[in-house]
Amino acid sequence: LFYNGEDGIVKDDAKAYMWISRAVDLDFAPAIGAKGQCLLHGTGTKRNRVEGGTLLGIAAGRGVAESQFCLGVIYYHGRHGYAKNYGMAKCWLEKAVTQEG
């Protein structure tokens, strides 16, 4: 809710990062990916591309489709310090789109 400012809650990146971090402490895979994205972009915390990319990779490896998609886009465009790699982009994007649900 704090991340997007929904349901009458004022957007607050720092609070969103705090709650996401608590969910990571509980080993909730989607939160691991969300924390990775926050770190990559510096949303609610200091930007850290290395830790952000690592967390995004952990979540993607655990089958979180959103994290798989994000990694695919990162590799496709060569963002956040990652070199363009169309093979890796294809791999992660295919994993993301073949998720059930």
PDB file of N, CA and C in Angstrom:
ATOM      1  N   LEU A   1       0.814  -1.196   0.000  1.00  0.00           N
ATOM      2  CA  LEU A   1       0.000   0.000   0.000  1.00  0.00           C
ATOM      3  C   LEU A   1       0.862   1.266   0.000  1.00  0.00           C
ATOM      4  N   PHE A   2       1.910   1.261   0.820  1.00  0.00           N
ATOM      5  CA  PHE A   2       2.783   2.442   0.871  1.00  0.00           C
ATOM      6  C   PHE A   2       3.572   2.607  -0.424  1.00  0.00           C
ATOM      7  N   TYR A   3       3.886   1.496  -1.086  1.00  0.00           N
ATOM      8  CA  TYR A   3       4.698   1.539  -2.301  1.00  0.00           C
ATOM      9  C   TYR A   3       3.998   2.283  -3.427  1.00  0.00           C
ATOM     10  N   ASN A   4       2.713   2.016  -3.599  1.00  0.00           N
ATOM     11  CA  ASN A   4       1.955   2.645  -4.683  1.00  0.00           C
ATOM     12  C   ASN A   4       1.020   3.755  -4.212  1.00  0.00           C
ATOM     13  N   GLY A   5       0.835   3.890  -2.904  1.00  0.00           N
ATOM     14  CA  GLY A   5      -0.093   4.891  -2.396  1.00  0.00           C
ATOM     15  C   GLY A   5      -1.527   4.510  -2.720  1.00  0.00           C
ATOM     16  N   GLU A   6      -1.984   3.368  -2.226  1.00  0.00           N
ATOM     17  CA  GLU A   6      -3.310   2.843  -2.557  1.00  0.00           C
ATOM     18  C   GLU A   6      -4.254   2.897  -1.361  1.00  0.00           C
ATOM     19  N   ASP A   7      -5.541   2.810  -1.660  1.00  0.00           N
ATOM     20  CA  ASP A   7      -6.589   2.705  -0.637  1.00  0.00           C
ATOM     21  C   ASP A   7      -6.510   3.810   0.408  1.00  0.00           C
ATOM     22  N   GLY A   8      -6.253   5.015  -0.030  1.00  0.00           N
ATOM     23  CA  GLY A   8      -6.211   6.156   0.873  1.00  0.00           C
ATOM     24  C   GLY A   8      -4.907   6.289   1.647  1.00  0.00           C
ATOM     25  N   ILE A   9      -3.970   5.392   1.418  1.00  0.00           N
ATOM     26  CA  ILE A   9      -2.663   5.454   2.081  1.00  0.00           C
ATOM     27  C   ILE A   9      -1.744   6.334   1.231  1.00  0.00           C
ATOM     28  N   VAL A  10      -1.085   7.277   1.858  1.00  0.00           N
ATOM     29  CA  VAL A  10      -0.165   8.165   1.161  1.00  0.00           C
ATOM     30  C   VAL A  10       1.094   7.381   0.781  1.00  0.00           C
ATOM     31  N   LYS A  11       1.530   7.558  -0.449  1.00  0.00           N
ATOM     32  CA  LYS A  11       2.751   6.894  -0.923  1.00  0.00           C
ATOM     33  C   LYS A  11       3.918   7.298  -0.033  1.00  0.00           C
ATOM     34  N   ASP A  12       4.639   6.296   0.459  1.00  0.00           N
ATOM     35  CA  ASP A  12       5.770   6.548   1.338  1.00  0.00           C
ATOM     36  C   ASP A  12       6.824   5.477   1.054  1.00  0.00           C
ATOM     37  N   ASP A  13       7.819   5.842   0.261  1.00  0.00           N
ATOM     38  CA  ASP A  13       8.826   4.872  -0.165  1.00  0.00           C
ATOM     39  C   ASP A  13       9.618   4.284   1.003  1.00  0.00           C
ATOM     40  N   ALA A  14       9.933   5.092   1.997  1.00  0.00           N
ATOM     41  CA  ALA A  14      10.708   4.600   3.142  1.00  0.00           C
ATOM     42  C   ALA A  14       9.910   3.562   3.932  1.00  0.00           C
ATOM     43  N   LYS A  15       8.634   3.824   4.164  1.00  0.00           N
ATOM     44  CA  LYS A  15       7.799   2.850   4.878  1.00  0.00           C
ATOM     45  C   LYS A  15       7.598   1.595   4.035  1.00  0.00           C
ATOM     46  N   ALA A  16       7.430   1.767   2.757  1.00  0.00           N
ATOM     47  CA  ALA A  16       7.280   0.609   1.877  1.00  0.00           C
ATOM     48  C   ALA A  16       8.517  -0.271   1.955  1.00  0.00           C
ATOM     49  N   TYR A  17       9.684   0.340   1.891  1.00  0.00           N
ATOM     50  CA  TYR A  17      10.937  -0.413   1.971  1.00  0.00           C
ATOM     51  C   TYR A  17      11.051  -1.131   3.314  1.00  0.00           C
ATOM     52  N   MET A  18      10.645  -0.476   4.383  1.00  0.00           N
ATOM     53  CA  MET A  18      10.696  -1.088   5.710  1.00  0.00           C
ATOM     54  C   MET A  18       9.814  -2.344   5.765  1.00  0.00           C
ATOM     55  N   TRP A  19       8.579  -2.246   5.268  1.00  0.00           N
ATOM     56  CA  TRP A  19       7.669  -3.394   5.299  1.00  0.00           C
ATOM     57  C   TRP A  19       8.128  -4.500   4.355  1.00  0.00           C
ATOM     58  N   ILE A  20       8.648  -4.127   3.224  1.00  0.00           N
ATOM     59  CA  ILE A  20       9.196  -5.128   2.299  1.00  0.00           C
ATOM     60  C   ILE A  20      10.360  -5.863   2.960  1.00  0.00           C
ATOM     61  N   SER A  21      11.217  -5.131   3.641  1.00  0.00           N
ATOM     62  CA  SER A  21      12.356  -5.737   4.329  1.00  0.00           C
ATOM     63  C   SER A  21      11.906  -6.704   5.418  1.00  0.00           C
ATOM     64  N   ARG A  22      10.836  -6.365   6.109  1.00  0.00           N
ATOM     65  CA  ARG A  22      10.302  -7.289   7.127  1.00  0.00           C
ATOM     66  C   ARG A  22       9.807  -8.578   6.481  1.00  0.00           C
ATOM     67  N   ALA A  23       9.177  -8.469   5.331  1.00  0.00           N
ATOM     68  CA  ALA A  23       8.710  -9.666   4.625  1.00  0.00           C
ATOM     69  C   ALA A  23       9.895 -10.497   4.132  1.00  0.00           C
ATOM     70  N   VAL A  24      10.984  -9.835   3.752  1.00  0.00           N
ATOM     71  CA  VAL A  24      12.198 -10.549   3.349  1.00  0.00           C
ATOM     72  C   VAL A  24      12.742 -11.339   4.537  1.00  0.00           C
ATOM     73  N   ASP A  25      12.685 -10.751   5.727  1.00  0.00           N
ATOM     74  CA  ASP A  25      13.145 -11.447   6.937  1.00  0.00           C
ATOM     75  C   ASP A  25      12.369 -12.741   7.166  1.00  0.00           C
ATOM     76  N   LEU A  26      11.140 -12.802   6.650  1.00  0.00           N
ATOM     77  CA  LEU A  26      10.305 -14.011   6.750  1.00  0.00           C
ATOM     78  C   LEU A  26      10.505 -14.924   5.547  1.00  0.00           C
ATOM     79  N   ASP A  27      11.463 -14.582   4.683  1.00  0.00           N
ATOM     80  CA  ASP A  27      11.832 -15.372   3.504  1.00  0.00           C
ATOM     81  C   ASP A  27      10.695 -15.473   2.479  1.00  0.00           C
ATOM     82  N   PHE A  28       9.927 -14.393   2.337  1.00  0.00           N
ATOM     83  CA  PHE A  28       8.831 -14.330   1.374  1.00  0.00           C
ATOM     84  C   PHE A  28       9.414 -13.942   0.015  1.00  0.00           C
ATOM     85  N   ALA A  29       9.440 -14.892  -0.916  1.00  0.00           N
ATOM     86  CA  ALA A  29      10.147 -14.706  -2.192  1.00  0.00           C
ATOM     87  C   ALA A  29       9.721 -13.456  -2.968  1.00  0.00           C
ATOM     88  N   PRO A  30       8.415 -13.153  -3.106  1.00  0.00           N
ATOM     89  CA  PRO A  30       8.064 -11.924  -3.833  1.00  0.00           C
ATOM     90  C   PRO A  30       8.637 -10.656  -3.192  1.00  0.00           C
ATOM     91  N   ALA A  31       8.748 -10.661  -1.867  1.00  0.00           N
ATOM     92  CA  ALA A  31       9.327  -9.499  -1.185  1.00  0.00           C
ATOM     93  C   ALA A  31      10.820  -9.395  -1.466  1.00  0.00           C
ATOM     94  N   ILE A  32      11.479 -10.534  -1.629  1.00  0.00           N
ATOM     95  CA  ILE A  32      12.907 -10.514  -1.958  1.00  0.00           C
ATOM     96  C   ILE A  32      13.105  -9.797  -3.291  1.00  0.00           C
ATOM     97  N   GLY A  33      12.259 -10.099  -4.257  1.00  0.00           N
ATOM     98  CA  GLY A  33      12.323  -9.422  -5.547  1.00  0.00           C
ATOM     99  C   GLY A  33      11.985  -7.943  -5.442  1.00  0.00           C
ATOM    100  N   ALA A  34      10.968  -7.623  -4.645  1.00  0.00           N
ATOM    101  CA  ALA A  34      10.576  -6.222  -4.471  1.00  0.00           C
ATOM    102  C   ALA A  34      11.696  -5.419  -3.814  1.00  0.00           C
ATOM    103  N   LYS A  35      12.361  -6.035  -2.834  1.00  0.00           N
ATOM    104  CA  LYS A  35      13.480  -5.333  -2.188  1.00  0.00           C
ATOM    105  C   LYS A  35      14.611  -5.132  -3.188  1.00  0.00           C
ATOM    106  N   GLY A  36      14.835  -6.135  -4.032  1.00  0.00           N
ATOM    107  CA  GLY A  36      15.848  -5.989  -5.074  1.00  0.00           C
ATOM    108  C   GLY A  36      15.546  -4.822  -5.992  1.00  0.00           C
ATOM    109  N   GLN A  37      14.280  -4.686  -6.371  1.00  0.00           N
ATOM    110  CA  GLN A  37      13.894  -3.563  -7.234  1.00  0.00           C
ATOM    111  C   GLN A  37      14.084  -2.232  -6.522  1.00  0.00           C
ATOM    112  N   CYS A  38      13.721  -2.176  -5.239  1.00  0.00           N
ATOM    113  CA  CYS A  38      13.920  -0.939  -4.479  1.00  0.00           C
ATOM    114  C   CYS A  38      15.398  -0.557  -4.460  1.00  0.00           C
ATOM    115  N   LEU A  39      16.255  -1.537  -4.235  1.00  0.00           N
ATOM    116  CA  LEU A  39      17.684  -1.264  -4.188  1.00  0.00           C
ATOM    117  C   LEU A  39      18.230  -0.854  -5.560  1.00  0.00           C
ATOM    118  N   LEU A  40      17.755  -1.482  -6.614  1.00  0.00           N
ATOM    119  CA  LEU A  40      18.208  -1.110  -7.957  1.00  0.00           C
ATOM    120  C   LEU A  40      17.864   0.334  -8.293  1.00  0.00           C
ATOM    121  N   HIS A  41      16.695   0.773  -7.849  1.00  0.00           N
ATOM    122  CA  HIS A  41      16.214   2.114  -8.200  1.00  0.00           C
ATOM    123  C   HIS A  41      16.445   3.162  -7.110  1.00  0.00           C
ATOM    124  N   GLY A  42      16.843   2.708  -5.914  1.00  0.00           N
ATOM    125  CA  GLY A  42      16.993   3.654  -4.803  1.00  0.00           C
ATOM    126  C   GLY A  42      15.659   4.126  -4.278  1.00  0.00           C
ATOM    127  N   THR A  43      14.678   3.249  -4.268  1.00  0.00           N
ATOM    128  CA  THR A  43      13.336   3.588  -3.803  1.00  0.00           C
ATOM    129  C   THR A  43      13.211   3.296  -2.311  1.00  0.00           C
ATOM    130  N   GLY A  44      13.158   4.327  -1.504  1.00  0.00           N
ATOM    131  CA  GLY A  44      13.012   4.174  -0.063  1.00  0.00           C
ATOM    132  C   GLY A  44      14.302   3.824   0.653  1.00  0.00           C
ATOM    133  N   THR A  45      15.383   3.735  -0.067  1.00  0.00           N
ATOM    134  CA  THR A  45      16.683   3.371   0.497  1.00  0.00           C
ATOM    135  C   THR A  45      17.778   3.863  -0.439  1.00  0.00           C
ATOM    136  N   LYS A  46      19.005   3.729   0.006  1.00  0.00           N
ATOM    137  CA  LYS A  46      20.130   4.099  -0.839  1.00  0.00           C
ATOM    138  C   LYS A  46      20.272   3.078  -1.970  1.00  0.00           C
ATOM    139  N   ARG A  47      20.563   3.555  -3.149  1.00  0.00           N
ATOM    140  CA  ARG A  47      20.711   2.688  -4.319  1.00  0.00           C
ATOM    141  C   ARG A  47      21.909   1.762  -4.152  1.00  0.00           C
ATOM    142  N   ASN A  48      21.684   0.471  -4.443  1.00  0.00           N
ATOM    143  CA  ASN A  48      22.745  -0.526  -4.370  1.00  0.00           C
ATOM    144  C   ASN A  48      22.473  -1.555  -5.461  1.00  0.00           C
ATOM    145  N   ARG A  49      23.088  -1.348  -6.619  1.00  0.00           N
ATOM    146  CA  ARG A  49      22.822  -2.210  -7.772  1.00  0.00           C
ATOM    147  C   ARG A  49      23.299  -3.642  -7.565  1.00  0.00           C
ATOM    148  N   VAL A  50      24.381  -3.825  -6.834  1.00  0.00           N
ATOM    149  CA  VAL A  50      24.903  -5.185  -6.630  1.00  0.00           C
ATOM    150  C   VAL A  50      23.930  -5.994  -5.765  1.00  0.00           C
ATOM    151  N   GLU A  51      23.577  -5.460  -4.604  1.00  0.00           N
ATOM    152  CA  GLU A  51      22.646  -6.179  -3.725  1.00  0.00           C
ATOM    153  C   GLU A  51      21.269  -6.305  -4.376  1.00  0.00           C
ATOM    154  N   GLY A  52      20.831  -5.253  -5.059  1.00  0.00           N
ATOM    155  CA  GLY A  52      19.534  -5.294  -5.729  1.00  0.00           C
ATOM    156  C   GLY A  52      19.469  -6.378  -6.788  1.00  0.00           C
ATOM    157  N   GLY A  53      20.500  -6.457  -7.610  1.00  0.00           N
ATOM    158  CA  GLY A  53      20.540  -7.490  -8.647  1.00  0.00           C
ATOM    159  C   GLY A  53      20.616  -8.882  -8.064  1.00  0.00           C
ATOM    160  N   THR A  54      21.360  -9.017  -6.969  1.00  0.00           N
ATOM    161  CA  THR A  54      21.470 -10.314  -6.303  1.00  0.00           C
ATOM    162  C   THR A  54      20.112 -10.766  -5.780  1.00  0.00           C
ATOM    163  N   LEU A  55      19.406  -9.867  -5.100  1.00  0.00           N
ATOM    164  CA  LEU A  55      18.089 -10.225  -4.561  1.00  0.00           C
ATOM    165  C   LEU A  55      17.089 -10.515  -5.666  1.00  0.00           C
ATOM    166  N   LEU A  56      17.130  -9.735  -6.722  1.00  0.00           N
ATOM    167  CA  LEU A  56      16.234  -9.981  -7.850  1.00  0.00           C
ATOM    168  C   LEU A  56      16.510 -11.366  -8.443  1.00  0.00           C
ATOM    169  N   GLY A  57      17.776 -11.729  -8.546  1.00  0.00           N
ATOM    170  CA  GLY A  57      18.139 -13.048  -9.049  1.00  0.00           C
ATOM    171  C   GLY A  57      17.683 -14.180  -8.141  1.00  0.00           C
ATOM    172  N   ILE A  58      17.757 -13.966  -6.831  1.00  0.00           N
ATOM    173  CA  ILE A  58      17.282 -14.980  -5.881  1.00  0.00           C
ATOM    174  C   ILE A  58      15.784 -15.200  -6.054  1.00  0.00           C
ATOM    175  N   ALA A  59      15.033 -14.096  -6.119  1.00  0.00           N
ATOM    176  CA  ALA A  59      13.579 -14.216  -6.281  1.00  0.00           C
ATOM    177  C   ALA A  59      13.227 -14.857  -7.618  1.00  0.00           C
ATOM    178  N   ALA A  60      13.926 -14.466  -8.673  1.00  0.00           N
ATOM    179  CA  ALA A  60      13.669 -15.049  -9.993  1.00  0.00           C
ATOM    180  C   ALA A  60      13.958 -16.549  -9.972  1.00  0.00           C
ATOM    181  N   GLY A  61      15.031 -16.925  -9.312  1.00  0.00           N
ATOM    182  CA  GLY A  61      15.387 -18.329  -9.197  1.00  0.00           C
ATOM    183  C   GLY A  61      14.372 -19.133  -8.406  1.00  0.00           C
ATOM    184  N   ARG A  62      13.646 -18.463  -7.545  1.00  0.00           N
ATOM    185  CA  ARG A  62      12.591 -19.117  -6.758  1.00  0.00           C
ATOM    186  C   ARG A  62      11.252 -19.118  -7.484  1.00  0.00           C
ATOM    187  N   GLY A  63      11.245 -18.625  -8.713  1.00  0.00           N
ATOM    188  CA  GLY A  63      10.039 -18.700  -9.521  1.00  0.00           C
ATOM    189  C   GLY A  63       9.113 -17.502  -9.456  1.00  0.00           C
ATOM    190  N   VAL A  64       9.585 -16.364  -8.968  1.00  0.00           N
ATOM    191  CA  VAL A  64       8.755 -15.151  -8.914  1.00  0.00           C
ATOM    192  C   VAL A  64       8.733 -14.524 -10.305  1.00  0.00           C
ATOM    193  N   ALA A  65       7.586 -14.620 -10.962  1.00  0.00           N
ATOM    194  CA  ALA A  65       7.471 -14.194 -12.359  1.00  0.00           C
ATOM    195  C   ALA A  65       7.841 -12.723 -12.555  1.00  0.00           C
ATOM    196  N   GLU A  66       7.434 -11.858 -11.649  1.00  0.00           N
ATOM    197  CA  GLU A  66       7.742 -10.426 -11.788  1.00  0.00           C
ATOM    198  C   GLU A  66       9.256 -10.201 -11.768  1.00  0.00           C
ATOM    199  N   SER A  67       9.962 -10.923 -10.902  1.00  0.00           N
ATOM    200  CA  SER A  67      11.416 -10.798 -10.834  1.00  0.00           C
ATOM    201  C   SER A  67      12.067 -11.371 -12.085  1.00  0.00           C
ATOM    202  N   GLN A  68      11.529 -12.471 -12.592  1.00  0.00           N
ATOM    203  CA  GLN A  68      12.037 -13.050 -13.834  1.00  0.00           C
ATOM    204  C   GLN A  68      11.868 -12.059 -14.978  1.00  0.00           C
ATOM    205  N   PHE A  69      10.702 -11.439 -15.049  1.00  0.00           N
ATOM    206  CA  PHE A  69      10.438 -10.450 -16.090  1.00  0.00           C
ATOM    207  C   PHE A  69      11.408  -9.274 -15.970  1.00  0.00           C
ATOM    208  N   CYS A  70      11.588  -8.773 -14.745  1.00  0.00           N
ATOM    209  CA  CYS A  70      12.489  -7.633 -14.541  1.00  0.00           C
ATOM    210  C   CYS A  70      13.912  -7.971 -14.975  1.00  0.00           C
ATOM    211  N   LEU A  71      14.383  -9.164 -14.619  1.00  0.00           N
ATOM    212  CA  LEU A  71      15.723  -9.560 -15.047  1.00  0.00           C
ATOM    213  C   LEU A  71      15.811  -9.643 -16.564  1.00  0.00           C
ATOM    214  N   GLY A  72      14.772 -10.174 -17.188  1.00  0.00           N
ATOM    215  CA  GLY A  72      14.754 -10.238 -18.648  1.00  0.00           C
ATOM    216  C   GLY A  72      14.889  -8.865 -19.277  1.00  0.00           C
ATOM    217  N   VAL A  73      14.154  -7.907 -18.747  1.00  0.00           N
ATOM    218  CA  VAL A  73      14.207  -6.531 -19.265  1.00  0.00           C
ATOM    219  C   VAL A  73      15.582  -5.917 -19.009  1.00  0.00           C
ATOM    220  N   ILE A  74      16.135  -6.155 -17.818  1.00  0.00           N
ATOM    221  CA  ILE A  74      17.457  -5.629 -17.483  1.00  0.00           C
ATOM    222  C   ILE A  74      18.503  -6.156 -18.462  1.00  0.00           C
ATOM    223  N   TYR A  75      18.478  -7.460 -18.709  1.00  0.00           N
ATOM    224  CA  TYR A  75      19.448  -8.041 -19.650  1.00  0.00           C
ATOM    225  C   TYR A  75      19.185  -7.586 -21.089  1.00  0.00           C
ATOM    226  N   TYR A  76      17.929  -7.435 -21.462  1.00  0.00           N
ATOM    227  CA  TYR A  76      17.609  -7.026 -22.833  1.00  0.00           C
ATOM    228  C   TYR A  76      18.150  -5.622 -23.137  1.00  0.00           C
ATOM    229  N   HIS A  77      17.953  -4.711 -22.183  1.00  0.00           N
ATOM    230  CA  HIS A  77      18.359  -3.318 -22.403  1.00  0.00           C
ATOM    231  C   HIS A  77      19.752  -2.997 -21.860  1.00  0.00           C
ATOM    232  N   GLY A  78      20.337  -3.907 -21.082  1.00  0.00           N
ATOM    233  CA  GLY A  78      21.640  -3.628 -20.480  1.00  0.00           C
ATOM    234  C   GLY A  78      21.560  -2.532 -19.438  1.00  0.00           C
ATOM    235  N   ARG A  79      20.684  -2.697 -18.479  1.00  0.00           N
ATOM    236  CA  ARG A  79      20.474  -1.673 -17.446  1.00  0.00           C
ATOM    237  C   ARG A  79      21.124  -2.061 -16.124  1.00  0.00           C
ATOM    238  N   HIS A  80      21.234  -1.082 -15.244  1.00  0.00           N
ATOM    239  CA  HIS A  80      21.699  -1.257 -13.861  1.00  0.00           C
ATOM    240  C   HIS A  80      23.083  -1.904 -13.793  1.00  0.00           C
ATOM    241  N   GLY A  81      23.927  -1.597 -14.747  1.00  0.00           N
ATOM    242  CA  GLY A  81      25.280  -2.116 -14.750  1.00  0.00           C
ATOM    243  C   GLY A  81      25.435  -3.498 -15.377  1.00  0.00           C
ATOM    244  N   TYR A  82      24.348  -4.056 -15.851  1.00  0.00           N
ATOM    245  CA  TYR A  82      24.407  -5.363 -16.521  1.00  0.00           C
ATOM    246  C   TYR A  82      24.602  -5.144 -18.017  1.00  0.00           C
ATOM    247  N   ALA A  83      25.473  -5.943 -18.614  1.00  0.00           N
ATOM    248  CA  ALA A  83      25.680  -5.864 -20.058  1.00  0.00           C
ATOM    249  C   ALA A  83      24.473  -6.446 -20.777  1.00  0.00           C
ATOM    250  N   LYS A  84      24.203  -5.939 -21.977  1.00  0.00           N
ATOM    251  CA  LYS A  84      23.144  -6.532 -22.790  1.00  0.00           C
ATOM    252  C   LYS A  84      23.470  -7.991 -23.034  1.00  0.00           C
ATOM    253  N   ASN A  85      22.482  -8.827 -22.837  1.00  0.00           N
ATOM    254  CA  ASN A  85      22.674 -10.253 -23.055  1.00  0.00           C
ATOM    255  C   ASN A  85      21.325 -10.818 -23.491  1.00  0.00           C
ATOM    256  N   TYR A  86      21.155 -10.933 -24.808  1.00  0.00           N
ATOM    257  CA  TYR A  86      19.860 -11.358 -25.333  1.00  0.00           C
ATOM    258  C   TYR A  86      19.530 -12.801 -24.966  1.00  0.00           C
ATOM    259  N   GLY A  87      20.544 -13.635 -24.820  1.00  0.00           N
ATOM    260  CA  GLY A  87      20.305 -15.016 -24.408  1.00  0.00           C
ATOM    261  C   GLY A  87      19.722 -15.081 -23.004  1.00  0.00           C
ATOM    262  N   MET A  88      20.315 -14.322 -22.076  1.00  0.00           N
ATOM    263  CA  MET A  88      19.798 -14.281 -20.700  1.00  0.00           C
ATOM    264  C   MET A  88      18.422 -13.613 -20.667  1.00  0.00           C
ATOM    265  N   ALA A  89      18.262 -12.576 -21.466  1.00  0.00           N
ATOM    266  CA  ALA A  89      16.962 -11.904 -21.520  1.00  0.00           C
ATOM    267  C   ALA A  89      15.888 -12.892 -21.954  1.00  0.00           C
ATOM    268  N   LYS A  90      16.164 -13.634 -23.011  1.00  0.00           N
ATOM    269  CA  LYS A  90      15.195 -14.609 -23.520  1.00  0.00           C
ATOM    270  C   LYS A  90      14.888 -15.668 -22.467  1.00  0.00           C
ATOM    271  N   CYS A  91      15.910 -16.161 -21.811  1.00  0.00           N
ATOM    272  CA  CYS A  91      15.732 -17.185 -20.785  1.00  0.00           C
ATOM    273  C   CYS A  91      14.792 -16.712 -19.677  1.00  0.00           C
ATOM    274  N   TRP A  92      15.064 -15.536 -19.116  1.00  0.00           N
ATOM    275  CA  TRP A  92      14.247 -15.035 -18.010  1.00  0.00           C
ATOM    276  C   TRP A  92      12.851 -14.642 -18.466  1.00  0.00           C
ATOM    277  N   LEU A  93      12.731 -14.048 -19.641  1.00  0.00           N
ATOM    278  CA  LEU A  93      11.397 -13.675 -20.122  1.00  0.00           C
ATOM    279  C   LEU A  93      10.545 -14.898 -20.409  1.00  0.00           C
ATOM    280  N   GLU A  94      11.144 -15.951 -20.961  1.00  0.00           N
ATOM    281  CA  GLU A  94      10.396 -17.183 -21.200  1.00  0.00           C
ATOM    282  C   GLU A  94       9.936 -17.804 -19.885  1.00  0.00           C
ATOM    283  N   LYS A  95      10.786 -17.788 -18.873  1.00  0.00           N
ATOM    284  CA  LYS A  95      10.396 -18.315 -17.564  1.00  0.00           C
ATOM    285  C   LYS A  95       9.229 -17.513 -16.993  1.00  0.00           C
ATOM    286  N   ALA A  96       9.281 -16.200 -17.162  1.00  0.00           N
ATOM    287  CA  ALA A  96       8.221 -15.348 -16.622  1.00  0.00           C
ATOM    288  C   ALA A  96       6.881 -15.618 -17.288  1.00  0.00           C
ATOM    289  N   VAL A  97       6.876 -15.787 -18.597  1.00  0.00           N
ATOM    290  CA  VAL A  97       5.596 -15.934 -19.292  1.00  0.00           C
ATOM    291  C   VAL A  97       5.035 -17.349 -19.212  1.00  0.00           C
ATOM    292  N   THR A  98       5.841 -18.299 -18.787  1.00  0.00           N
ATOM    293  CA  THR A  98       5.327 -19.676 -18.677  1.00  0.00           C
ATOM    294  C   THR A  98       4.857 -20.012 -17.264  1.00  0.00           C
ATOM    295  N   GLN A  99       4.892 -19.025 -16.368  1.00  0.00           N
ATOM    296  CA  GLN A  99       4.375 -19.249 -15.016  1.00  0.00           C
ATOM    297  C   GLN A  99       2.871 -19.496 -15.060  1.00  0.00           C
ATOM    298  N   GLU A 100       2.405 -20.415 -14.233  1.00  0.00           N
ATOM    299  CA  GLU A 100       0.963 -20.638 -14.138  1.00  0.00           C
ATOM    300  C   GLU A 100       0.365 -19.595 -13.218  1.00  0.00           C
ATOM    301  N   GLY A 101      -0.901 -19.248 -13.491  1.00  0.00           N
ATOM    302  CA  GLY A 101      -1.611 -18.335 -12.604  1.00  0.00           C
ATOM    303  C   GLY A 101      -1.834 -17.082 -13.225  1.00  0.00           C
TER     304      GLY A 101
END
